Structure formats: C-alpha cells, structure tokens
Amino acid sequence: MLGVSQSSYFARKDRPASRRRQRDDMVMLAHVRSAFALSNGTYGSPRMTRELQDDGFAIGHRRTARLMRENGLRGRLKRTRQAAFRARIHQPSAA
C-alpha cells in the first residue's frame, strides 16, 4: 500500500528522531509551556494548537498533543452544569 517493505517501515518507526526534529520540538515545547502558563493551565491540545497557529507557528494538533502528553501538560476540564448541580446537592448542610 505505501510502497515500502515491512522491514523498512518498522526500521524507520523504531529509529530515534533526527537532531533537527528534536531541536524543533524543544522550540515548540517552550512556546507550548509559555502559552499553557498564560492560560493558567486550562488549555488542552486543541485550544493550544489554535493559539500557536494564531501566533504564526506551523504546528498540527497531533504534534501539540504529543508534546503536551510527553511533558505532563493537561488542561483542566470544564465543570458541566450537571456536575455543578450534583456538587450542590451533595454538600453537607451547615446546621
């Protein structure tokens, strides 16, 4: 399908990233961390990708997600109306 042998595919897959790619990842990671800090840790990878693209960086959502995942950066989940309602119901009453 891809026009390469199975052994070539797996040899390439297991090969470490090139120096250029590692350098580019480090630069992007610095920008990701900066934007993550400015968002107070609320941005996940989709919003982070849009933020970086709006700032003029050519980065895709998979690369952003990989960089964030590898470095333990996780956006906070928004509280849903249902979760807020449940939290209000299950609070102990101050009597």
Protein backbone atom coordinates (compact mmCIF):
# COMPACT_ATOMS: atom_id res chain seq x y z
CA MET A 1 0.00 0.00 0.00
CA LEU A 2 2.71 2.53 0.95
CA GLY A 3 5.27 1.14 -1.47
CA VAL A 4 7.80 0.17 1.21
CA SER A 5 8.75 -3.18 2.63
CA GLN A 6 7.55 -4.21 6.05
CA SER A 7 11.10 -4.34 7.42
CA SER A 8 11.82 -0.79 6.18
CA TYR A 9 8.65 0.52 7.77
CA PHE A 10 9.46 -0.94 11.20
CA ALA A 11 13.13 0.07 10.96
CA ARG A 12 12.07 3.68 10.35
CA LYS A 13 9.42 3.56 13.06
CA ASP A 14 11.90 2.43 15.72
CA ARG A 15 14.60 4.91 14.71
CA PRO A 16 15.07 7.91 17.04
CA ALA A 17 14.07 11.39 15.88
CA SER A 18 16.62 13.44 13.97
CA ARG A 19 18.54 16.27 15.62
CA ARG A 20 16.58 18.84 13.63
CA ARG A 21 13.28 17.37 14.78
CA GLN A 22 14.48 17.26 18.38
CA ARG A 23 15.56 20.91 18.17
CA ASP A 24 12.24 21.94 16.60
CA ASP A 25 10.37 20.02 19.30
CA MET A 26 12.31 21.82 22.03
CA VAL A 27 11.50 25.22 20.48
CA MET A 28 7.82 24.31 20.13
CA LEU A 29 7.75 22.92 23.66
CA ALA A 30 9.00 26.25 25.00
CA HIS A 31 6.13 28.01 23.21
CA VAL A 32 3.63 25.39 24.39
CA ARG A 33 4.74 25.79 28.01
CA SER A 34 4.56 29.56 27.74
CA ALA A 35 1.04 29.52 26.30
CA PHE A 36 0.00 26.86 28.84
CA ALA A 37 1.22 29.06 31.70
CA LEU A 38 -0.58 32.11 30.25
CA SER A 39 -3.81 30.10 30.12
CA ASN A 40 -3.42 29.17 33.80
CA GLY A 41 -3.23 25.53 32.80
CA THR A 42 -6.65 25.46 31.22
CA TYR A 43 -5.80 24.89 27.55
CA GLY A 44 -5.88 21.37 26.19
CA SER A 45 -4.21 20.39 22.93
CA PRO A 46 -6.98 21.61 20.56
CA ARG A 47 -7.06 25.13 22.00
CA MET A 48 -3.29 25.13 22.36
CA THR A 49 -2.90 24.25 18.68
CA ARG A 50 -5.23 27.09 17.64
CA GLU A 51 -3.37 29.51 19.92
CA LEU A 52 0.01 28.59 18.45
CA GLN A 53 -1.32 28.74 14.89
CA ASP A 54 -2.80 32.19 15.58
CA ASP A 55 0.65 33.26 16.78
CA GLY A 56 2.09 32.21 13.42
CA PHE A 57 3.56 28.78 14.20
CA ALA A 58 3.11 25.91 11.77
CA ILE A 59 2.11 23.10 14.12
CA GLY A 60 -0.53 20.41 13.93
CA HIS A 61 -2.83 19.07 16.60
CA ARG A 62 -1.08 15.71 16.83
CA ARG A 63 2.32 17.26 17.44
CA THR A 64 0.88 19.60 20.05
CA ALA A 65 -0.89 16.70 21.75
CA ARG A 66 2.29 14.61 21.73
CA LEU A 67 4.41 17.40 23.21
CA MET A 68 1.85 18.09 25.91
CA ARG A 69 1.39 14.40 26.74
CA GLU A 70 5.15 13.70 26.91
CA ASN A 71 5.64 16.63 29.28
CA GLY A 72 2.64 16.07 31.54
CA LEU A 73 0.71 19.18 30.48
CA ARG A 74 -3.03 18.56 30.79
CA GLY A 75 -5.74 21.16 30.51
CA ARG A 76 -8.35 21.41 33.23
CA LEU A 77 -11.77 20.07 32.42
CA LYS A 78 -14.65 22.48 32.46
CA ARG A 79 -17.25 21.81 35.06
CA THR A 80 -20.53 20.84 33.46
CA ARG A 81 -23.88 22.12 34.64
CA GLN A 82 -24.80 18.62 35.74
CA ALA A 83 -21.60 18.25 37.80
CA ALA A 84 -22.21 21.64 39.43
CA PHE A 85 -25.77 20.61 40.26
CA ARG A 86 -24.61 17.32 41.79
CA ALA A 87 -21.95 19.09 43.84
CA ARG A 88 -24.57 21.50 45.20
CA ILE A 89 -26.95 18.67 46.13
CA HIS A 90 -24.30 16.55 47.88
CA GLN A 91 -22.84 19.31 50.01
CA PRO A 92 -23.27 18.72 53.71
CA SER A 93 -25.68 21.21 55.20
CA ALA A 94 -24.30 23.69 57.73
CA ALA A 95 -26.65 23.10 60.64
